[in-house]
Amino acid sequence: MSLKGKRVLVTGATGFLGSRLAEILADEEEAIVTGMGRNLDKVDYLRDKGITLMKADLLNYDELRKAVSDHDIVFHSAASLDGDHKTGQKINVDATKTLVELSGEAGVSRFIHVSTVGVYDMPQTGAIDESYPLAVNHPSMYARTKARAENVVREMAAKQNMEYAIIRPSMIYGPGHGVWTELMYKLILKGDPVYIGDGSTNYLPVYIDDVAQALILSATSTDASGEAYNISHEVTNWKTFMGHYAEIAGKETKGIPLFVARLMAWANKIPGITTPIDQGFVEMMNSTNTFPTVKAEQQLGWKPRVSLCEGLRRTTDWIRKELVTG
């Protein structure tokens, strides 16, 4: 199936992945794209590509209903990445439930949900495929609410008799204002730690355009309906990957001792105490897991197009141009 001429909605279009997805949908797929978000000034350039920008809040029922109206496909990339548990539940779970329900009522043919490999209830080492159970009671807000959101998508899509697919990317990097690009560079620039221990555990980057391609394939493939897919690429380690950013910053990468990280994560259980490291971060940064993409390759025909070497070249070029001052 082609997306040419299809009316598609991208939630989170002001964000890192959503904005790039909207751009590719318009430029390469020739879809009729509406980008939904709150701070539309951040992506005003998308209007030049023929993309309609719509201001809407995930927690506003009437705005969501208006947003999904007259669309064939919805790509749901908006999410709360951090913050308190109550906010995460409202945005990542409750709002997703409402969005799927309204999409079905509006006649949307397929709902594409952006999740994360962090949803699995998994050990700290091994190849984690899509058959692993979801960590719906994980102590980390993001992992728990994204796992619960997947269940909500399945439940509500079934009630609405609407097709859906779920994409679970690993660490998405590339040009732009993403966690694994801008935030990591700025932390290194400030001299803050960006990994646990000596940085030798697995870092699993996947280039942003390759994730967008997986989302597009999941919207067009007849085999994708009702399925979830890992999307990851080359395996490196935290110190090596962050070293590319450190070179630009003129800094050394730093790690935080594992026992300190675990104490910080545990401290979040104490009322009134909030630390920047939770259990999810500890697991992610102290893991030697991999997330095979065999299912995506076989069912979607997906293969990463951008090597780690090329992706880092594009990313570091962007950092030098947009973030390096003086």
Protein backbone atom coordinates (compact mmCIF):
# COMPACT_ATOMS: atom_id res chain seq x y z
CA MET A 1 0.00 0.00 0.00
CA SER A 2 1.22 3.49 -0.84
CA LEU A 3 0.75 6.51 1.39
CA LYS A 4 0.61 8.86 -1.58
CA GLY A 5 -2.43 11.07 -1.18
CA LYS A 6 -3.33 9.48 2.17
CA ARG A 7 -4.36 11.83 4.96
CA VAL A 8 -2.08 11.11 7.90
CA LEU A 9 -1.86 12.62 11.37
CA VAL A 10 1.40 12.72 13.33
CA THR A 11 1.09 13.43 17.06
CA GLY A 12 4.16 14.87 18.74
CA ALA A 13 5.09 16.60 15.48
CA THR A 14 7.00 19.26 17.41
CA GLY A 15 9.27 16.59 18.87
CA PHE A 16 12.45 14.95 17.65
CA LEU A 17 11.01 11.86 15.96
CA GLY A 18 7.58 13.26 15.11
CA SER A 19 8.90 16.26 13.21
CA ARG A 20 11.26 14.15 11.13
CA LEU A 21 8.56 11.56 10.46
CA ALA A 22 6.16 14.27 9.26
CA GLU A 23 8.86 15.65 6.98
CA ILE A 24 9.61 12.26 5.40
CA LEU A 25 5.92 11.45 5.00
CA ALA A 26 5.41 14.68 3.06
CA ASP A 27 8.66 14.73 1.06
CA GLU A 28 9.18 11.08 0.21
CA GLU A 29 5.78 9.42 0.61
CA GLU A 30 3.73 12.32 -0.79
CA ALA A 31 1.17 11.91 1.97
CA ILE A 32 -1.15 14.71 3.05
CA VAL A 33 0.29 15.36 6.51
CA THR A 34 -1.10 17.07 9.58
CA GLY A 35 1.35 17.58 12.41
CA MET A 36 -0.16 17.90 15.88
CA GLY A 37 1.59 19.51 18.83
CA ARG A 38 1.54 22.35 21.32
CA ASN A 39 4.52 24.62 20.56
CA LEU A 40 4.17 24.82 16.80
CA ASP A 41 6.69 27.64 16.44
CA LYS A 42 9.44 25.05 16.97
CA VAL A 43 8.63 23.40 13.64
CA ASP A 44 7.34 26.27 11.55
CA TYR A 45 9.63 25.08 8.73
CA LEU A 46 7.31 22.11 8.21
CA ARG A 47 4.69 24.45 6.74
CA ASP A 48 7.05 25.07 3.81
CA LYS A 49 6.78 21.36 3.00
CA GLY A 50 3.01 21.54 2.74
CA ILE A 51 2.40 20.11 6.20
CA THR A 52 -0.60 21.43 8.10
CA LEU A 53 0.25 22.19 11.72
CA MET A 54 -2.52 21.83 14.30
CA LYS A 55 -2.25 23.00 17.87
CA ALA A 56 -3.76 20.39 20.17
CA ASP A 57 -3.23 19.02 23.65
CA LEU A 58 -3.30 15.28 24.29
CA LEU A 59 -5.34 15.92 27.43
CA ASN A 60 -8.03 17.92 25.63
CA TYR A 61 -10.77 15.59 24.39
CA ASP A 62 -12.36 18.02 21.94
CA GLU A 63 -9.01 18.96 20.41
CA LEU A 64 -8.11 15.29 19.95
CA ARG A 65 -11.44 14.52 18.32
CA LYS A 66 -10.94 17.38 15.88
CA ALA A 67 -7.36 16.31 15.16
CA VAL A 68 -8.19 12.73 14.13
CA SER A 69 -11.17 13.72 12.01
CA ASP A 70 -10.85 12.91 8.29
CA HIS A 71 -7.54 11.09 8.61
CA ASP A 72 -6.72 7.67 7.17
CA ILE A 73 -3.73 6.83 9.40
CA VAL A 74 -2.55 8.10 12.79
CA PHE A 75 1.10 7.97 13.85
CA HIS A 76 1.23 8.44 17.62
CA SER A 77 4.71 9.62 18.60
CA ALA A 78 3.80 12.06 21.38
CA ALA A 79 4.74 11.00 24.91
CA SER A 80 5.89 12.17 28.31
CA LEU A 81 9.53 11.12 28.65
CA ASP A 82 10.05 12.14 32.25
CA GLY A 83 8.21 13.75 35.12
CA ASP A 84 5.98 12.40 37.86
CA HIS A 85 4.03 9.16 37.69
CA LYS A 86 0.63 10.87 37.65
CA THR A 87 1.50 12.99 34.60
CA GLY A 88 3.03 10.01 32.82
CA GLN A 89 -0.13 7.97 33.38
CA LYS A 90 -2.35 10.75 32.05
CA ILE A 91 -0.30 11.44 28.92
CA ASN A 92 1.18 8.07 28.00
CA VAL A 93 -1.73 5.81 28.97
CA ASP A 94 -5.01 7.68 29.41
CA ALA A 95 -4.53 10.05 26.48
CA THR A 96 -3.42 7.15 24.26
CA LYS A 97 -6.60 5.29 25.16
CA THR A 98 -8.70 8.31 24.21
CA LEU A 99 -6.77 8.84 20.99
CA VAL A 100 -7.25 5.24 19.86
CA GLU A 101 -10.94 5.36 20.71
CA LEU A 102 -11.48 8.62 18.82
CA SER A 103 -9.43 7.36 15.88
CA GLY A 104 -11.65 4.31 15.56
CA GLU A 105 -14.79 6.41 15.76
CA ALA A 106 -13.40 8.74 13.06
CA GLY A 107 -12.81 5.85 10.66
CA VAL A 108 -9.01 5.78 10.85
CA SER A 109 -7.87 2.61 9.09
CA ARG A 110 -4.63 2.01 11.01
CA PHE A 111 -3.11 3.37 14.22
CA ILE A 112 0.70 3.29 14.49
CA HIS A 113 2.01 3.55 18.03
CA VAL A 114 5.57 4.53 18.92
CA SER A 115 6.73 2.56 21.95
CA THR A 116 10.22 1.62 23.17
CA VAL A 117 12.38 -1.46 23.79
CA GLY A 118 12.23 -0.39 27.43
CA VAL A 119 8.75 -1.93 27.78
CA TYR A 120 10.04 -5.47 28.29
CA ASP A 121 10.17 -7.30 31.59
CA MET A 122 13.66 -8.58 30.87
CA PRO A 123 16.91 -9.78 32.36
CA GLN A 124 20.04 -7.65 32.13
CA THR A 125 21.64 -9.76 29.44
CA GLY A 126 20.40 -11.63 26.41
CA ALA A 127 18.63 -11.22 23.08
CA ILE A 128 15.20 -9.78 23.81
CA ASP A 129 12.68 -10.44 21.07
CA GLU A 130 9.05 -9.36 20.78
CA SER A 131 7.77 -12.43 22.67
CA TYR A 132 9.00 -11.13 26.06
CA PRO A 133 6.29 -9.99 28.51
CA LEU A 134 5.71 -6.31 29.16
CA ALA A 135 6.83 -4.62 32.38
CA VAL A 136 3.45 -3.10 33.26
CA ASN A 137 4.49 -2.73 36.91
CA HIS A 138 7.99 -1.41 36.30
CA PRO A 139 9.17 1.13 38.92
CA SER A 140 10.27 3.52 36.16
CA MET A 141 7.46 5.84 35.02
CA TYR A 142 8.41 5.75 31.35
CA ALA A 143 8.87 1.99 31.04
CA ARG A 144 5.70 1.23 33.00
CA THR A 145 3.41 3.71 31.25
CA LYS A 146 4.67 2.83 27.76
CA ALA A 147 4.08 -0.86 28.50
CA ARG A 148 0.58 -0.10 29.73
CA ALA A 149 -0.03 2.12 26.70
CA GLU A 150 0.67 -0.84 24.42
CA ASN A 151 -2.02 -2.85 26.16
CA VAL A 152 -4.41 0.06 25.83
CA VAL A 153 -3.71 0.29 22.09
CA ARG A 154 -4.47 -3.41 21.64
CA GLU A 155 -7.62 -3.29 23.75
CA MET A 156 -9.15 -0.17 22.24
CA ALA A 157 -8.19 -0.98 18.65
CA ALA A 158 -9.95 -4.34 19.00
CA LYS A 159 -13.08 -2.64 20.34
CA GLN A 160 -13.03 -0.20 17.44
CA ASN A 161 -12.23 -2.90 14.88
CA MET A 162 -9.25 -0.80 13.79
CA GLU A 163 -5.88 -2.06 12.62
CA TYR A 164 -2.79 -1.11 14.62
CA ALA A 165 0.95 -1.70 14.75
CA ILE A 166 3.54 -0.96 17.42
CA ILE A 167 7.14 0.09 16.84
CA ARG A 168 9.68 -0.34 19.66
CA PRO A 169 12.87 1.62 18.88
CA SER A 170 16.08 1.54 20.89
CA MET A 171 18.12 4.77 21.38
CA ILE A 172 17.07 7.10 18.53
CA TYR A 173 19.81 9.52 17.49
CA GLY A 174 20.45 11.85 14.59
CA PRO A 175 20.35 15.55 13.70
CA GLY A 176 17.86 17.38 15.88
CA HIS A 177 16.85 18.13 19.43
CA GLY A 178 16.63 14.59 20.75
CA VAL A 179 17.56 13.01 24.07
CA TRP A 180 20.35 10.93 22.53
CA THR A 181 21.74 13.85 20.55
CA GLU A 182 21.30 17.31 22.02
CA LEU A 183 20.77 16.33 25.65
CA MET A 184 23.75 13.98 25.77
CA TYR A 185 26.01 16.55 24.13
CA LYS A 186 24.94 19.24 26.60
CA LEU A 187 25.46 16.93 29.58
CA ILE A 188 28.99 16.19 28.39
CA LEU A 189 29.61 19.88 27.82
CA LYS A 190 28.61 20.57 31.44
CA GLY A 191 30.86 17.79 32.70
CA ASP A 192 27.96 15.64 33.90
CA PRO A 193 28.11 11.82 33.79
CA VAL A 194 26.45 10.16 30.79
CA TYR A 195 26.82 6.49 31.66
CA ILE A 196 27.18 4.09 34.59
CA GLY A 197 30.47 2.53 35.59
CA ASP A 198 33.15 2.48 32.90
CA GLY A 199 30.71 2.80 29.99
CA SER A 200 31.44 -0.67 28.63
CA THR A 201 27.84 -1.94 28.61
CA ASN A 202 25.73 -2.05 25.45
CA TYR A 203 24.59 1.11 23.74
CA LEU A 204 22.09 0.42 20.95
CA PRO A 205 21.72 3.42 18.64
CA VAL A 206 19.30 3.54 15.72
CA TYR A 207 19.27 6.42 13.26
CA ILE A 208 16.13 8.57 13.21
CA ASP A 209 15.39 8.09 9.51
CA ASP A 210 15.53 4.31 9.93
CA VAL A 211 12.93 4.52 12.69
CA ALA A 212 10.73 6.71 10.49
CA GLN A 213 11.05 4.12 7.72
CA ALA A 214 9.94 1.37 10.09
CA LEU A 215 6.89 3.42 11.06
CA ILE A 216 5.99 3.97 7.42
CA LEU A 217 6.40 0.28 6.59
CA SER A 218 4.20 -0.66 9.55
CA ALA A 219 1.51 1.61 8.12
CA THR A 220 1.66 0.12 4.63
CA SER A 221 2.40 -3.59 5.18
CA THR A 222 -0.52 -6.01 5.28
CA ASP A 223 1.50 -8.25 7.63
CA ALA A 224 1.96 -5.51 10.24
CA SER A 225 -1.59 -5.36 11.55
CA GLY A 226 -1.70 -6.36 15.20
CA GLU A 227 2.06 -6.75 15.47
CA ALA A 228 4.90 -5.13 17.45
CA TYR A 229 8.46 -4.75 16.19
CA ASN A 230 11.89 -4.12 17.68
CA ILE A 231 13.78 -1.46 15.74
CA SER A 232 17.48 -1.29 16.56
CA HIS A 233 20.80 -1.37 14.71
CA GLU A 234 24.49 -1.70 15.51
CA VAL A 235 25.80 -2.54 18.96
CA THR A 236 28.44 -0.33 20.50
CA ASN A 237 29.09 0.77 24.09
CA TRP A 238 28.21 3.92 25.98
CA LYS A 239 31.74 5.28 26.28
CA THR A 240 32.53 4.82 22.60
CA PHE A 241 29.30 6.41 21.39
CA MET A 242 29.41 9.34 23.80
CA GLY A 243 33.09 9.81 22.95
CA HIS A 244 32.05 11.23 19.57
CA TYR A 245 30.11 13.98 21.32
CA ALA A 246 32.89 14.49 23.85
CA GLU A 247 35.39 15.12 21.07
CA ILE A 248 33.27 18.00 19.77
CA ALA A 249 32.77 19.37 23.28
CA GLY A 250 36.48 19.13 24.07
CA LYS A 251 35.66 17.17 27.21
CA GLU A 252 36.22 13.72 28.67
CA THR A 253 33.21 11.47 29.15
CA LYS A 254 32.29 10.68 32.73
CA GLY A 255 30.46 7.83 34.39
CA ILE A 256 28.72 7.45 37.71
CA PRO A 257 29.57 4.43 39.91
CA LEU A 258 26.94 1.70 39.72
CA PHE A 259 26.33 1.65 43.47
CA VAL A 260 25.69 5.41 43.47
CA ALA A 261 23.26 5.08 40.59
CA ARG A 262 21.39 2.32 42.42
CA LEU A 263 21.19 4.45 45.56
CA MET A 264 19.81 7.36 43.55
CA ALA A 265 17.21 5.11 41.93
CA TRP A 266 16.22 3.69 45.31
CA ALA A 267 15.94 7.19 46.79
CA ASN A 268 13.10 7.97 44.41
CA LYS A 269 10.92 5.68 46.51
CA ILE A 270 11.17 8.11 49.42
CA PRO A 271 8.32 10.66 49.44
CA GLY A 272 9.53 14.14 48.54
CA ILE A 273 12.79 12.94 46.97
CA THR A 274 13.37 12.99 43.21
CA THR A 275 16.67 12.13 41.54
CA PRO A 276 17.53 12.22 37.80
CA ILE A 277 18.24 8.46 37.78
CA ASP A 278 15.48 5.91 38.22
CA GLN A 279 15.40 2.13 37.99
CA GLY A 280 14.76 2.25 34.26
CA PHE A 281 17.93 4.24 33.63
CA VAL A 282 19.98 1.90 35.80
CA GLU A 283 18.72 -1.14 33.89
CA MET A 284 19.26 0.49 30.50
CA MET A 285 22.77 1.74 31.27
CA ASN A 286 23.90 -1.46 32.98
CA SER A 287 22.64 -3.88 30.34
CA THR A 288 24.23 -6.16 27.79
CA ASN A 289 20.89 -6.86 26.13
CA THR A 290 20.29 -6.73 22.41
CA PHE A 291 16.96 -6.39 20.60
CA PRO A 292 16.91 -8.51 17.44
CA THR A 293 15.04 -7.06 14.46
CA VAL A 294 14.45 -10.34 12.61
CA LYS A 295 10.68 -9.94 12.82
CA ALA A 296 10.75 -6.43 11.29
CA GLU A 297 13.09 -7.62 8.57
CA GLN A 298 10.95 -10.61 7.67
CA GLN A 299 7.47 -9.09 7.97
CA LEU A 300 8.09 -5.46 7.03
CA GLY A 301 11.10 -5.82 4.78
CA TRP A 302 12.83 -3.29 7.05
CA LYS A 303 16.57 -2.93 7.04
CA PRO A 304 18.56 -0.03 8.47
CA ARG A 305 19.84 2.16 5.67
CA VAL A 306 22.18 4.40 7.65
CA SER A 307 25.32 2.88 9.16
CA LEU A 308 26.48 3.98 12.59
CA CYS A 309 29.51 5.63 10.99
CA GLU A 310 27.37 7.64 8.55
CA GLY A 311 24.73 8.42 11.16
CA LEU A 312 27.33 9.78 13.56
CA ARG A 313 28.86 11.87 10.78
CA ARG A 314 25.50 13.49 10.05
CA THR A 315 24.75 13.93 13.74
CA THR A 316 28.08 15.46 14.69
CA ASP A 317 27.90 17.77 11.67
CA TRP A 318 24.54 19.00 12.99
CA ILE A 319 25.94 19.48 16.50
CA ARG A 320 28.83 21.54 15.18
CA LYS A 321 26.47 23.67 13.13
CA GLU A 322 23.62 24.12 15.61
CA LEU A 323 25.01 23.67 19.12
CA VAL A 324 28.69 24.64 19.09
CA THR A 325 29.13 28.33 19.85
CA GLY A 326 32.39 30.20 19.80
